[in-house]
Amino acid sequence: MSRIVLGIGTSHSPLLAIKPDLWAARGDDDRRRQKIWLADGRIIPYAQLSAETADRYESDATPERFATLATEAQAELDRLADAIKQAAPDLIVIIGDDQEELFGLSHTPAISLYTGAEIITHPKGEVAPNLPEWYRAANIGYMMDTVHRHPGAPAEAVKVIEHLITQGVDIGLASQVKKPEEHGFGHAYGFVIDRLLGRAPVPVLALMLNTYFPPNVPTPARCWEVGEKLAAALTALPGDRRICVIASGGLSHFATDPVLDRAVLDGLLTDAPEQLTSIPPHALRSGNSEILNWIMAGGALRALAAEPASYLPVFRTPAGTGIGLAFMIWRPRAAAPTQER
């Protein structure tokens, strides 16, 4: 019987793949946004957000603060990477979101698994060489500067799909990457493979959520439910696999929302599905939608114990655009001591 031996939750923001002196340039991109999704369901331009917040985050959006946050975030990533190394998994499950990287407008499944032998990344750095400097740097950390290949888990993926189908999860699948310059794996997977696995050739089972593109975005309740069924499918895999489940993405962005983020992290820490599944879908749109990856992971990791998360709210503009960076670990519960007789 296979075992889930570790759970990880990590943000995959460009800020984690670029130097802090480029964070301000990322903020300049925010200033040009005409549509920023808020947790209350409104969609407003940057100018309106600036007026509503009265630019109260100006003291947070400084080079000095960026440097401090970058140092803290990289230390957290090192901590997660070390936990994975110590757990020595032989199968990595990455729950991420696809943003028109592998899938396109012609086919956008709500939930899908990849059954191919190799995870092959989309070379966005080559396809779009004139991107801003921060974007080009981020693509390196996302393994999207050129085509990269990493072992998949085809046999395990097929068995997980078969199990999920019998449990009422009509899951989609992708089985190959024909032309990576057109469609390939994106940042949610490349970042984890590069930064947390150090590109070690541990097979990756890629689960992809459509979080960004309504109307077929799974609800928080459905994500939790599928996560629980995913755990059952993984532990039913033959052999004695040591499995690590990783949620990649989030938390709130592009308007940083610490209230939403802390509610999510508290729900995961206390294993409170009702707190997570009751989040209104309109609160989880655009960047906020990647919280769904964490909710699904929470459902899959209920047999493990969550440790308090590290949370770093980043405000890269005075208006409060940015991201809630979060890093979390689930470990096996301590075995009850044997009673002496």
C-alpha atoms as a PDB file:
ATOM      1  CA  MET A   1       0.000   0.000   0.000  1.00  0.00           C
ATOM      2  CA  SER A   2       1.327   3.429  -0.930  1.00  0.00           C
ATOM      3  CA  ARG A   3       1.538   6.270   1.581  1.00  0.00           C
ATOM      4  CA  ILE A   4       1.278  10.043   1.459  1.00  0.00           C
ATOM      5  CA  VAL A   5       4.339  10.985   3.505  1.00  0.00           C
ATOM      6  CA  LEU A   6       4.381  14.762   3.013  1.00  0.00           C
ATOM      7  CA  GLY A   7       2.246  17.674   1.954  1.00  0.00           C
ATOM      8  CA  ILE A   8       3.489  21.042   0.722  1.00  0.00           C
ATOM      9  CA  GLY A   9       1.750  24.285  -0.111  1.00  0.00           C
ATOM     10  CA  THR A  10       3.745  26.946  -1.934  1.00  0.00           C
ATOM     11  CA  SER A  11       3.179  30.137  -3.844  1.00  0.00           C
ATOM     12  CA  HIS A  12       4.773  30.282  -7.293  1.00  0.00           C
ATOM     13  CA  SER A  13       4.727  34.024  -7.895  1.00  0.00           C
ATOM     14  CA  PRO A  14       7.221  35.577 -10.315  1.00  0.00           C
ATOM     15  CA  LEU A  15       8.549  37.405  -7.237  1.00  0.00           C
ATOM     16  CA  LEU A  16       9.941  34.065  -6.051  1.00  0.00           C
ATOM     17  CA  ALA A  17      11.881  33.543  -9.264  1.00  0.00           C
ATOM     18  CA  ILE A  18      13.338  37.030  -9.745  1.00  0.00           C
ATOM     19  CA  LYS A  19      15.647  39.316  -7.786  1.00  0.00           C
ATOM     20  CA  PRO A  20      13.972  41.834  -5.460  1.00  0.00           C
ATOM     21  CA  ASP A  21      15.321  44.734  -7.500  1.00  0.00           C
ATOM     22  CA  LEU A  22      12.865  43.672 -10.226  1.00  0.00           C
ATOM     23  CA  TRP A  23       9.831  43.606  -7.928  1.00  0.00           C
ATOM     24  CA  ALA A  24       9.097  47.287  -8.600  1.00  0.00           C
ATOM     25  CA  ALA A  25       8.960  46.581 -12.339  1.00  0.00           C
ATOM     26  CA  ARG A  26       6.387  43.895 -11.625  1.00  0.00           C
ATOM     27  CA  GLY A  27       4.473  46.563  -9.730  1.00  0.00           C
ATOM     28  CA  ASP A  28       4.594  48.862 -12.756  1.00  0.00           C
ATOM     29  CA  ASP A  29       2.711  46.169 -14.644  1.00  0.00           C
ATOM     30  CA  ASP A  30       0.049  46.242 -11.929  1.00  0.00           C
ATOM     31  CA  ARG A  31      -0.438  49.970 -12.442  1.00  0.00           C
ATOM     32  CA  ARG A  32      -1.485  49.322 -16.034  1.00  0.00           C
ATOM     33  CA  ARG A  33      -4.152  46.795 -15.077  1.00  0.00           C
ATOM     34  CA  GLN A  34      -7.672  47.774 -16.032  1.00  0.00           C
ATOM     35  CA  LYS A  35      -9.238  44.720 -14.400  1.00  0.00           C
ATOM     36  CA  ILE A  36      -8.353  43.686 -10.859  1.00  0.00           C
ATOM     37  CA  TRP A  37     -10.601  41.038  -9.294  1.00  0.00           C
ATOM     38  CA  LEU A  38     -11.436  41.602  -5.637  1.00  0.00           C
ATOM     39  CA  ALA A  39     -12.691  39.054  -3.114  1.00  0.00           C
ATOM     40  CA  ASP A  40     -16.029  40.901  -2.921  1.00  0.00           C
ATOM     41  CA  GLY A  41     -16.643  40.035  -6.568  1.00  0.00           C
ATOM     42  CA  ARG A  42     -15.965  43.476  -8.014  1.00  0.00           C
ATOM     43  CA  ILE A  43     -13.625  44.046 -10.948  1.00  0.00           C
ATOM     44  CA  ILE A  44     -11.979  47.464 -10.878  1.00  0.00           C
ATOM     45  CA  PRO A  45      -9.052  49.254 -12.571  1.00  0.00           C
ATOM     46  CA  TYR A  46      -5.859  50.100 -10.717  1.00  0.00           C
ATOM     47  CA  ALA A  47      -6.820  53.776 -10.540  1.00  0.00           C
ATOM     48  CA  GLN A  48      -9.996  52.947  -8.641  1.00  0.00           C
ATOM     49  CA  LEU A  49      -8.131  50.606  -6.270  1.00  0.00           C
ATOM     50  CA  SER A  50      -5.630  53.380  -5.626  1.00  0.00           C
ATOM     51  CA  ALA A  51      -8.440  55.784  -4.774  1.00  0.00           C
ATOM     52  CA  GLU A  52     -10.266  53.309  -2.538  1.00  0.00           C
ATOM     53  CA  THR A  53      -7.155  52.391  -0.535  1.00  0.00           C
ATOM     54  CA  ALA A  54      -5.840  55.961  -0.529  1.00  0.00           C
ATOM     55  CA  ASP A  55      -2.473  54.414  -1.413  1.00  0.00           C
ATOM     56  CA  ARG A  56      -2.053  53.326   2.192  1.00  0.00           C
ATOM     57  CA  TYR A  57       0.559  50.702   1.312  1.00  0.00           C
ATOM     58  CA  GLU A  58       3.144  53.181   0.092  1.00  0.00           C
ATOM     59  CA  SER A  59       5.504  52.424   2.989  1.00  0.00           C
ATOM     60  CA  ASP A  60       5.342  48.695   2.110  1.00  0.00           C
ATOM     61  CA  ALA A  61       6.208  49.177  -1.560  1.00  0.00           C
ATOM     62  CA  THR A  62       9.872  50.080  -1.105  1.00  0.00           C
ATOM     63  CA  PRO A  63      13.120  48.466  -2.284  1.00  0.00           C
ATOM     64  CA  GLU A  64      14.164  47.889   1.322  1.00  0.00           C
ATOM     65  CA  ARG A  65      10.962  46.066   2.168  1.00  0.00           C
ATOM     66  CA  PHE A  66      11.155  44.035  -1.041  1.00  0.00           C
ATOM     67  CA  ALA A  67      14.683  42.890  -0.171  1.00  0.00           C
ATOM     68  CA  THR A  68      13.592  41.789   3.309  1.00  0.00           C
ATOM     69  CA  LEU A  69      10.585  39.893   2.001  1.00  0.00           C
ATOM     70  CA  ALA A  70      12.648  38.222  -0.723  1.00  0.00           C
ATOM     71  CA  THR A  71      15.133  36.945   1.842  1.00  0.00           C
ATOM     72  CA  GLU A  72      12.365  35.585   4.057  1.00  0.00           C
ATOM     73  CA  ALA A  73      10.575  33.952   1.119  1.00  0.00           C
ATOM     74  CA  GLN A  74      13.697  32.228  -0.179  1.00  0.00           C
ATOM     75  CA  ALA A  75      14.384  30.876   3.305  1.00  0.00           C
ATOM     76  CA  GLU A  76      10.881  29.415   3.348  1.00  0.00           C
ATOM     77  CA  LEU A  77      11.410  27.806  -0.048  1.00  0.00           C
ATOM     78  CA  ASP A  78      14.653  26.301   1.255  1.00  0.00           C
ATOM     79  CA  ARG A  79      12.687  24.907   4.204  1.00  0.00           C
ATOM     80  CA  LEU A  80      10.130  23.291   1.902  1.00  0.00           C
ATOM     81  CA  ALA A  81      12.834  21.880  -0.353  1.00  0.00           C
ATOM     82  CA  ASP A  82      14.615  20.395   2.656  1.00  0.00           C
ATOM     83  CA  ALA A  83      11.380  18.788   3.883  1.00  0.00           C
ATOM     84  CA  ILE A  84      10.934  17.114   0.506  1.00  0.00           C
ATOM     85  CA  LYS A  85      14.523  15.891   0.505  1.00  0.00           C
ATOM     86  CA  GLN A  86      14.162  14.484   4.024  1.00  0.00           C
ATOM     87  CA  ALA A  87      10.889  12.724   3.186  1.00  0.00           C
ATOM     88  CA  ALA A  88      12.529  11.081   0.142  1.00  0.00           C
ATOM     89  CA  PRO A  89       9.320  10.629  -1.896  1.00  0.00           C
ATOM     90  CA  ASP A  90       9.382   8.499  -5.018  1.00  0.00           C
ATOM     91  CA  LEU A  91       6.277  10.146  -6.490  1.00  0.00           C
ATOM     92  CA  ILE A  92       5.404  13.861  -6.509  1.00  0.00           C
ATOM     93  CA  VAL A  93       1.813  14.957  -7.104  1.00  0.00           C
ATOM     94  CA  ILE A  94       1.565  18.614  -8.133  1.00  0.00           C
ATOM     95  CA  ILE A  95      -1.873  20.207  -7.951  1.00  0.00           C
ATOM     96  CA  GLY A  96      -1.625  23.311 -10.093  1.00  0.00           C
ATOM     97  CA  ASP A  97      -3.539  25.447 -12.542  1.00  0.00           C
ATOM     98  CA  ASP A  98      -3.077  25.750 -16.260  1.00  0.00           C
ATOM     99  CA  GLN A  99      -3.187  29.259 -17.727  1.00  0.00           C
ATOM    100  CA  GLU A 100      -3.428  28.608 -21.465  1.00  0.00           C
ATOM    101  CA  GLU A 101      -0.064  26.824 -21.379  1.00  0.00           C
ATOM    102  CA  LEU A 102      -0.909  23.157 -21.971  1.00  0.00           C
ATOM    103  CA  PHE A 103      -4.572  23.796 -22.704  1.00  0.00           C
ATOM    104  CA  GLY A 104      -6.130  26.441 -24.926  1.00  0.00           C
ATOM    105  CA  LEU A 105      -9.526  27.872 -25.724  1.00  0.00           C
ATOM    106  CA  SER A 106     -10.330  24.857 -27.882  1.00  0.00           C
ATOM    107  CA  HIS A 107     -10.214  22.507 -24.879  1.00  0.00           C
ATOM    108  CA  THR A 108     -10.308  23.553 -21.221  1.00  0.00           C
ATOM    109  CA  PRO A 109     -11.190  20.671 -18.886  1.00  0.00           C
ATOM    110  CA  ALA A 110     -12.247  21.568 -15.346  1.00  0.00           C
ATOM    111  CA  ILE A 111      -9.959  18.937 -13.783  1.00  0.00           C
ATOM    112  CA  SER A 112      -7.478  16.742 -15.600  1.00  0.00           C
ATOM    113  CA  LEU A 113      -4.500  14.445 -15.086  1.00  0.00           C
ATOM    114  CA  TYR A 114      -1.490  13.996 -17.328  1.00  0.00           C
ATOM    115  CA  THR A 115      -0.626  10.448 -18.402  1.00  0.00           C
ATOM    116  CA  GLY A 116       2.413  11.222 -20.561  1.00  0.00           C
ATOM    117  CA  ALA A 117       5.884   9.834 -19.909  1.00  0.00           C
ATOM    118  CA  GLU A 118       7.468  13.290 -19.747  1.00  0.00           C
ATOM    119  CA  ILE A 119       6.457  16.666 -18.349  1.00  0.00           C
ATOM    120  CA  ILE A 120       7.487  18.979 -21.202  1.00  0.00           C
ATOM    121  CA  THR A 121       7.465  22.727 -20.609  1.00  0.00           C
ATOM    122  CA  HIS A 122       6.291  25.479 -22.929  1.00  0.00           C
ATOM    123  CA  PRO A 123       9.297  27.643 -23.980  1.00  0.00           C
ATOM    124  CA  LYS A 124       7.649  31.016 -23.502  1.00  0.00           C
ATOM    125  CA  GLY A 125      11.038  32.719 -23.250  1.00  0.00           C
ATOM    126  CA  GLU A 126      11.796  31.678 -26.834  1.00  0.00           C
ATOM    127  CA  VAL A 127       8.290  32.123 -28.229  1.00  0.00           C
ATOM    128  CA  ALA A 128       8.017  35.659 -26.781  1.00  0.00           C
ATOM    129  CA  PRO A 129      11.606  36.950 -26.473  1.00  0.00           C
ATOM    130  CA  ASN A 130      10.590  40.608 -26.083  1.00  0.00           C
ATOM    131  CA  LEU A 131       8.925  40.266 -22.712  1.00  0.00           C
ATOM    132  CA  PRO A 132       9.903  42.660 -19.903  1.00  0.00           C
ATOM    133  CA  GLU A 133      13.082  41.841 -17.989  1.00  0.00           C
ATOM    134  CA  TRP A 134      11.228  40.607 -14.890  1.00  0.00           C
ATOM    135  CA  TYR A 135       9.112  38.288 -17.046  1.00  0.00           C
ATOM    136  CA  ARG A 136      12.126  36.815 -18.844  1.00  0.00           C
ATOM    137  CA  ALA A 137      13.834  36.197 -15.507  1.00  0.00           C
ATOM    138  CA  ALA A 138      10.716  34.543 -14.109  1.00  0.00           C
ATOM    139  CA  ASN A 139      10.508  32.206 -17.092  1.00  0.00           C
ATOM    140  CA  ILE A 140      13.932  30.822 -16.193  1.00  0.00           C
ATOM    141  CA  GLY A 141      12.695  29.938 -12.710  1.00  0.00           C
ATOM    142  CA  TYR A 142       9.527  28.507 -14.233  1.00  0.00           C
ATOM    143  CA  MET A 143      11.541  26.260 -16.603  1.00  0.00           C
ATOM    144  CA  MET A 144       9.797  28.107 -19.430  1.00  0.00           C
ATOM    145  CA  ASP A 145      12.853  29.811 -20.917  1.00  0.00           C
ATOM    146  CA  THR A 146      13.323  26.863 -23.262  1.00  0.00           C
ATOM    147  CA  VAL A 147      11.926  23.336 -23.550  1.00  0.00           C
ATOM    148  CA  HIS A 148      12.641  21.278 -20.442  1.00  0.00           C
ATOM    149  CA  ARG A 149      11.732  17.651 -19.801  1.00  0.00           C
ATOM    150  CA  HIS A 150      11.029  15.899 -16.515  1.00  0.00           C
ATOM    151  CA  PRO A 151       9.816  12.350 -15.822  1.00  0.00           C
ATOM    152  CA  GLY A 152       6.071  11.896 -15.646  1.00  0.00           C
ATOM    153  CA  ALA A 153       4.185   9.091 -13.924  1.00  0.00           C
ATOM    154  CA  PRO A 154       2.079   7.496 -16.678  1.00  0.00           C
ATOM    155  CA  ALA A 155       1.250   4.170 -15.024  1.00  0.00           C
ATOM    156  CA  GLU A 156       0.315   5.802 -11.739  1.00  0.00           C
ATOM    157  CA  ALA A 157      -1.730   8.475 -13.515  1.00  0.00           C
ATOM    158  CA  VAL A 158      -3.818   5.861 -15.341  1.00  0.00           C
ATOM    159  CA  LYS A 159      -4.551   3.985 -12.117  1.00  0.00           C
ATOM    160  CA  VAL A 160      -5.495   7.205 -10.322  1.00  0.00           C
ATOM    161  CA  ILE A 161      -7.836   8.136 -13.168  1.00  0.00           C
ATOM    162  CA  GLU A 162      -9.450   4.690 -13.100  1.00  0.00           C
ATOM    163  CA  HIS A 163      -9.972   4.983  -9.349  1.00  0.00           C
ATOM    164  CA  LEU A 164     -11.405   8.494  -9.550  1.00  0.00           C
ATOM    165  CA  ILE A 165     -13.824   7.505 -12.307  1.00  0.00           C
ATOM    166  CA  THR A 166     -15.243   4.730 -10.113  1.00  0.00           C
ATOM    167  CA  GLN A 167     -15.667   7.310  -7.332  1.00  0.00           C
ATOM    168  CA  GLY A 168     -17.747   9.671  -9.443  1.00  0.00           C
ATOM    169  CA  VAL A 169     -15.018  12.052 -10.597  1.00  0.00           C
ATOM    170  CA  ASP A 170     -15.356  12.390 -14.368  1.00  0.00           C
ATOM    171  CA  ILE A 171     -11.797  13.578 -14.809  1.00  0.00           C
ATOM    172  CA  GLY A 172     -10.204  14.699 -18.061  1.00  0.00           C
ATOM    173  CA  LEU A 173      -6.764  13.714 -19.225  1.00  0.00           C
ATOM    174  CA  ALA A 174      -3.910  14.804 -21.448  1.00  0.00           C
ATOM    175  CA  SER A 175      -1.448  12.207 -22.658  1.00  0.00           C
ATOM    176  CA  GLN A 176       1.177  14.001 -24.713  1.00  0.00           C
ATOM    177  CA  VAL A 177       2.831  17.287 -25.597  1.00  0.00           C
ATOM    178  CA  LYS A 178       3.178  17.346 -29.383  1.00  0.00           C
ATOM    179  CA  LYS A 179       4.495  20.842 -30.008  1.00  0.00           C
ATOM    180  CA  PRO A 180       5.783  22.468 -26.813  1.00  0.00           C
ATOM    181  CA  GLU A 181       6.354  25.775 -28.606  1.00  0.00           C
ATOM    182  CA  GLU A 182       2.561  25.906 -28.986  1.00  0.00           C
ATOM    183  CA  HIS A 183       1.364  24.123 -25.845  1.00  0.00           C
ATOM    184  CA  GLY A 184       3.311  22.685 -22.933  1.00  0.00           C
ATOM    185  CA  PHE A 185       3.481  22.664 -19.165  1.00  0.00           C
ATOM    186  CA  GLY A 186       3.640  26.003 -17.423  1.00  0.00           C
ATOM    187  CA  HIS A 187       4.736  27.831 -14.335  1.00  0.00           C
ATOM    188  CA  ALA A 188       2.749  25.919 -11.695  1.00  0.00           C
ATOM    189  CA  TYR A 189       4.781  22.800 -12.465  1.00  0.00           C
ATOM    190  CA  GLY A 190       8.117  24.145 -13.651  1.00  0.00           C
ATOM    191  CA  PHE A 191       8.569  26.289 -10.542  1.00  0.00           C
ATOM    192  CA  VAL A 192       8.094  23.342  -8.189  1.00  0.00           C
ATOM    193  CA  ILE A 193      10.348  21.050 -10.216  1.00  0.00           C
ATOM    194  CA  ASP A 194      13.097  23.665 -10.377  1.00  0.00           C
ATOM    195  CA  ARG A 195      12.971  25.327  -6.965  1.00  0.00           C
ATOM    196  CA  LEU A 196      11.693  22.609  -4.623  1.00  0.00           C
ATOM    197  CA  LEU A 197      12.911  19.435  -6.342  1.00  0.00           C
ATOM    198  CA  GLY A 198      16.144  20.928  -7.646  1.00  0.00           C
ATOM    199  CA  ARG A 199      15.211  19.168 -10.912  1.00  0.00           C
ATOM    200  CA  ALA A 200      15.852  15.801  -9.255  1.00  0.00           C
ATOM    201  CA  PRO A 201      14.315  13.144 -11.513  1.00  0.00           C
ATOM    202  CA  VAL A 202      11.492  12.146  -9.166  1.00  0.00           C
ATOM    203  CA  PRO A 203       8.424  11.273 -11.285  1.00  0.00           C
ATOM    204  CA  VAL A 204       5.697  13.918 -11.249  1.00  0.00           C
ATOM    205  CA  LEU A 205       1.990  13.252 -11.505  1.00  0.00           C
ATOM    206  CA  ALA A 206       0.483  16.523 -12.736  1.00  0.00           C
ATOM    207  CA  LEU A 207      -3.088  17.363 -11.781  1.00  0.00           C
ATOM    208  CA  MET A 208      -4.404  20.446 -13.539  1.00  0.00           C
ATOM    209  CA  LEU A 209      -7.299  22.619 -12.448  1.00  0.00           C
ATOM    210  CA  ASN A 210      -9.037  25.176 -14.583  1.00  0.00           C
ATOM    211  CA  THR A 211      -9.155  27.930 -11.992  1.00  0.00           C
ATOM    212  CA  TYR A 212      -8.861  30.978 -14.252  1.00  0.00           C
ATOM    213  CA  PHE A 213     -11.446  30.542 -16.980  1.00  0.00           C
ATOM    214  CA  PRO A 214     -15.176  30.412 -16.095  1.00  0.00           C
ATOM    215  CA  PRO A 215     -17.699  28.931 -16.445  1.00  0.00           C
ATOM    216  CA  ASN A 216     -16.260  25.458 -15.722  1.00  0.00           C
ATOM    217  CA  VAL A 217     -14.186  26.395 -12.681  1.00  0.00           C
ATOM    218  CA  PRO A 218     -14.671  23.818  -9.898  1.00  0.00           C
ATOM    219  CA  THR A 219     -16.231  25.110  -6.699  1.00  0.00           C
ATOM    220  CA  PRO A 220     -14.315  25.058  -3.417  1.00  0.00           C
ATOM    221  CA  ALA A 221     -16.585  22.235  -2.212  1.00  0.00           C
ATOM    222  CA  ARG A 222     -15.864  20.154  -5.310  1.00  0.00           C
ATOM    223  CA  CYS A 223     -12.125  20.742  -4.975  1.00  0.00           C
ATOM    224  CA  TRP A 224     -12.166  19.515  -1.378  1.00  0.00           C
ATOM    225  CA  GLU A 225     -14.247  16.473  -2.319  1.00  0.00           C
ATOM    226  CA  VAL A 226     -11.963  15.540  -5.212  1.00  0.00           C
ATOM    227  CA  GLY A 227      -8.957  16.032  -2.936  1.00  0.00           C
ATOM    228  CA  GLU A 228     -10.301  13.449  -0.501  1.00  0.00           C
ATOM    229  CA  LYS A 229     -10.940  11.009  -3.338  1.00  0.00           C
ATOM    230  CA  LEU A 230      -7.482  11.720  -4.753  1.00  0.00           C
ATOM    231  CA  ALA A 231      -5.937  10.648  -1.446  1.00  0.00           C
ATOM    232  CA  ALA A 232      -7.812   7.357  -1.602  1.00  0.00           C
ATOM    233  CA  ALA A 233      -6.670   6.811  -5.194  1.00  0.00           C
ATOM    234  CA  LEU A 234      -3.040   7.548  -4.330  1.00  0.00           C
ATOM    235  CA  THR A 235      -2.915   5.282  -1.302  1.00  0.00           C
ATOM    236  CA  ALA A 236      -4.496   2.517  -3.383  1.00  0.00           C
ATOM    237  CA  LEU A 237      -1.561   2.522  -5.796  1.00  0.00           C
ATOM    238  CA  PRO A 238       0.182  -0.863  -5.765  1.00  0.00           C
ATOM    239  CA  GLY A 239       3.574  -1.191  -4.143  1.00  0.00           C
ATOM    240  CA  ASP A 240       4.956   0.929  -1.353  1.00  0.00           C
ATOM    241  CA  ARG A 241       5.279   4.344  -2.929  1.00  0.00           C
ATOM    242  CA  ARG A 242       6.188   7.321  -0.786  1.00  0.00           C
ATOM    243  CA  ILE A 243       4.062  10.176  -2.107  1.00  0.00           C
ATOM    244  CA  CYS A 244       4.359  13.941  -1.651  1.00  0.00           C
ATOM    245  CA  VAL A 245       1.351  16.105  -2.568  1.00  0.00           C
ATOM    246  CA  ILE A 246       2.134  19.726  -3.457  1.00  0.00           C
ATOM    247  CA  ALA A 247      -0.289  22.619  -3.951  1.00  0.00           C
ATOM    248  CA  SER A 248       1.288  25.150  -6.312  1.00  0.00           C
ATOM    249  CA  GLY A 249       0.030  28.738  -6.525  1.00  0.00           C
ATOM    250  CA  GLY A 250      -1.685  31.531  -4.646  1.00  0.00           C
ATOM    251  CA  LEU A 251      -2.571  32.950  -2.388  1.00  0.00           C
ATOM    252  CA  SER A 252      -4.515  36.164  -3.108  1.00  0.00           C
ATOM    253  CA  HIS A 253      -3.443  38.272  -6.064  1.00  0.00           C
ATOM    254  CA  PHE A 254      -3.451  40.673  -7.811  1.00  0.00           C
ATOM    255  CA  ALA A 255      -4.919  42.704  -4.960  1.00  0.00           C
ATOM    256  CA  THR A 256      -3.353  41.298  -1.800  1.00  0.00           C
ATOM    257  CA  ASP A 257      -6.071  40.249   0.647  1.00  0.00           C
ATOM    258  CA  PRO A 258      -4.674  39.157   4.039  1.00  0.00           C
ATOM    259  CA  VAL A 259      -8.175  38.569   5.461  1.00  0.00           C
ATOM    260  CA  LEU A 260      -8.981  36.011   2.759  1.00  0.00           C
ATOM    261  CA  ASP A 261      -5.530  34.448   2.904  1.00  0.00           C
ATOM    262  CA  ARG A 262      -5.469  34.017   6.671  1.00  0.00           C
ATOM    263  CA  ALA A 263      -8.955  32.470   6.621  1.00  0.00           C
ATOM    264  CA  VAL A 264      -7.737  29.918   4.067  1.00  0.00           C
ATOM    265  CA  LEU A 265      -4.585  29.095   6.011  1.00  0.00           C
ATOM    266  CA  ASP A 266      -6.528  28.795   9.265  1.00  0.00           C
ATOM    267  CA  GLY A 267      -9.024  26.432   7.629  1.00  0.00           C
ATOM    268  CA  LEU A 268      -6.196  24.234   6.387  1.00  0.00           C
ATOM    269  CA  LEU A 269      -4.354  24.286   9.708  1.00  0.00           C
ATOM    270  CA  THR A 270      -7.418  23.284  11.717  1.00  0.00           C
ATOM    271  CA  ASP A 271      -8.754  20.854   9.080  1.00  0.00           C
ATOM    272  CA  ALA A 272     -11.990  22.812   8.818  1.00  0.00           C
ATOM    273  CA  PRO A 273     -13.494  21.989   5.424  1.00  0.00           C
ATOM    274  CA  GLU A 274     -16.627  24.029   6.109  1.00  0.00           C
ATOM    275  CA  GLN A 275     -14.476  27.155   6.449  1.00  0.00           C
ATOM    276  CA  LEU A 276     -12.892  26.494   3.056  1.00  0.00           C
ATOM    277  CA  THR A 277     -15.835  25.153   1.096  1.00  0.00           C
ATOM    278  CA  SER A 278     -18.026  28.080   2.140  1.00  0.00           C
ATOM    279  CA  ILE A 279     -15.768  30.621   0.412  1.00  0.00           C
ATOM    280  CA  PRO A 280     -17.991  32.158  -2.293  1.00  0.00           C
ATOM    281  CA  PRO A 281     -16.796  31.307  -5.804  1.00  0.00           C
ATOM    282  CA  HIS A 282     -16.788  34.994  -6.760  1.00  0.00           C
ATOM    283  CA  ALA A 283     -13.983  35.525  -4.232  1.00  0.00           C
ATOM    284  CA  LEU A 284     -11.810  33.044  -6.104  1.00  0.00           C
ATOM    285  CA  ARG A 285     -11.384  34.564  -9.525  1.00  0.00           C
ATOM    286  CA  SER A 286      -8.269  35.601 -11.450  1.00  0.00           C
ATOM    287  CA  GLY A 287      -5.183  35.208  -9.239  1.00  0.00           C
ATOM    288  CA  ASN A 288      -7.249  34.411  -6.141  1.00  0.00           C
ATOM    289  CA  SER A 289      -8.450  31.293  -7.945  1.00  0.00           C
ATOM    290  CA  GLU A 290      -5.190  29.474  -7.248  1.00  0.00           C
ATOM    291  CA  ILE A 291      -6.422  29.082  -3.679  1.00  0.00           C
ATOM    292  CA  LEU A 292      -8.480  26.225  -5.140  1.00  0.00           C
ATOM    293  CA  ASN A 293      -5.234  24.265  -5.587  1.00  0.00           C
ATOM    294  CA  TRP A 294      -4.630  24.547  -1.831  1.00  0.00           C
ATOM    295  CA  ILE A 295      -8.201  23.544  -1.024  1.00  0.00           C
ATOM    296  CA  MET A 296      -7.885  20.384  -3.099  1.00  0.00           C
ATOM    297  CA  ALA A 297      -4.570  19.612  -1.421  1.00  0.00           C
ATOM    298  CA  GLY A 298      -6.215  20.151   1.964  1.00  0.00           C
ATOM    299  CA  GLY A 299      -8.775  17.499   1.123  1.00  0.00           C
ATOM    300  CA  ALA A 300      -6.035  15.116   0.013  1.00  0.00           C
ATOM    301  CA  LEU A 301      -3.884  15.652   3.111  1.00  0.00           C
ATOM    302  CA  ARG A 302      -6.400  15.141   5.907  1.00  0.00           C
ATOM    303  CA  ALA A 303      -4.535  12.080   7.213  1.00  0.00           C
ATOM    304  CA  LEU A 304      -1.489  14.274   7.876  1.00  0.00           C
ATOM    305  CA  ALA A 305      -1.033  17.081  10.391  1.00  0.00           C
ATOM    306  CA  ALA A 306      -0.703  20.630   9.097  1.00  0.00           C
ATOM    307  CA  GLU A 307       1.923  22.895  10.588  1.00  0.00           C
ATOM    308  CA  PRO A 308       1.361  26.650  10.944  1.00  0.00           C
ATOM    309  CA  ALA A 309       2.041  28.353   7.638  1.00  0.00           C
ATOM    310  CA  SER A 310       4.480  31.140   6.965  1.00  0.00           C
ATOM    311  CA  TYR A 311       2.568  34.043   5.449  1.00  0.00           C
ATOM    312  CA  LEU A 312       4.176  37.072   3.805  1.00  0.00           C
ATOM    313  CA  PRO A 313       1.722  39.629   2.408  1.00  0.00           C
ATOM    314  CA  VAL A 314       3.469  41.558  -0.349  1.00  0.00           C
ATOM    315  CA  PHE A 315       2.252  44.994  -1.443  1.00  0.00           C
ATOM    316  CA  ARG A 316       4.258  45.951  -4.485  1.00  0.00           C
ATOM    317  CA  THR A 317       2.368  49.185  -5.163  1.00  0.00           C
ATOM    318  CA  PRO A 318       0.915  51.869  -2.873  1.00  0.00           C
ATOM    319  CA  ALA A 319      -2.593  50.757  -3.911  1.00  0.00           C
ATOM    320  CA  GLY A 320      -2.021  47.308  -2.435  1.00  0.00           C
ATOM    321  CA  THR A 321      -1.536  45.148  -5.496  1.00  0.00           C
ATOM    322  CA  GLY A 322       0.784  42.222  -4.984  1.00  0.00           C
ATOM    323  CA  ILE A 323       0.391  38.734  -3.584  1.00  0.00           C
ATOM    324  CA  GLY A 324      -0.041  36.836  -0.368  1.00  0.00           C
ATOM    325  CA  LEU A 325       2.983  34.544  -0.351  1.00  0.00           C
ATOM    326  CA  ALA A 326       2.371  31.395   1.684  1.00  0.00           C
ATOM    327  CA  PHE A 327       4.376  28.291   2.548  1.00  0.00           C
ATOM    328  CA  MET A 328       2.966  25.300   4.425  1.00  0.00           C
ATOM    329  CA  ILE A 329       3.927  21.749   5.380  1.00  0.00           C
ATOM    330  CA  TRP A 330       1.817  18.720   6.310  1.00  0.00           C
ATOM    331  CA  ARG A 331       3.620  15.802   7.981  1.00  0.00           C
ATOM    332  CA  PRO A 332       2.507  12.362   9.221  1.00  0.00           C
ATOM    333  CA  ARG A 333       0.825  12.456  12.588  1.00  0.00           C
ATOM    334  CA  ALA A 334       2.938  11.138  15.454  1.00  0.00           C
ATOM    335  CA  ALA A 335       2.152   7.544  16.209  1.00  0.00           C
ATOM    336  CA  ALA A 336       0.485   6.951  19.558  1.00  0.00           C
ATOM    337  CA  PRO A 337       2.986   5.581  22.096  1.00  0.00           C
ATOM    338  CA  THR A 338       2.805   1.880  22.788  1.00  0.00           C
ATOM    339  CA  GLN A 339       1.316   1.232  26.222  1.00  0.00           C
ATOM    340  CA  GLU A 340       3.570  -0.818  28.454  1.00  0.00           C
ATOM    341  CA  ARG A 341       2.098  -3.955  29.921  1.00  0.00           C
END
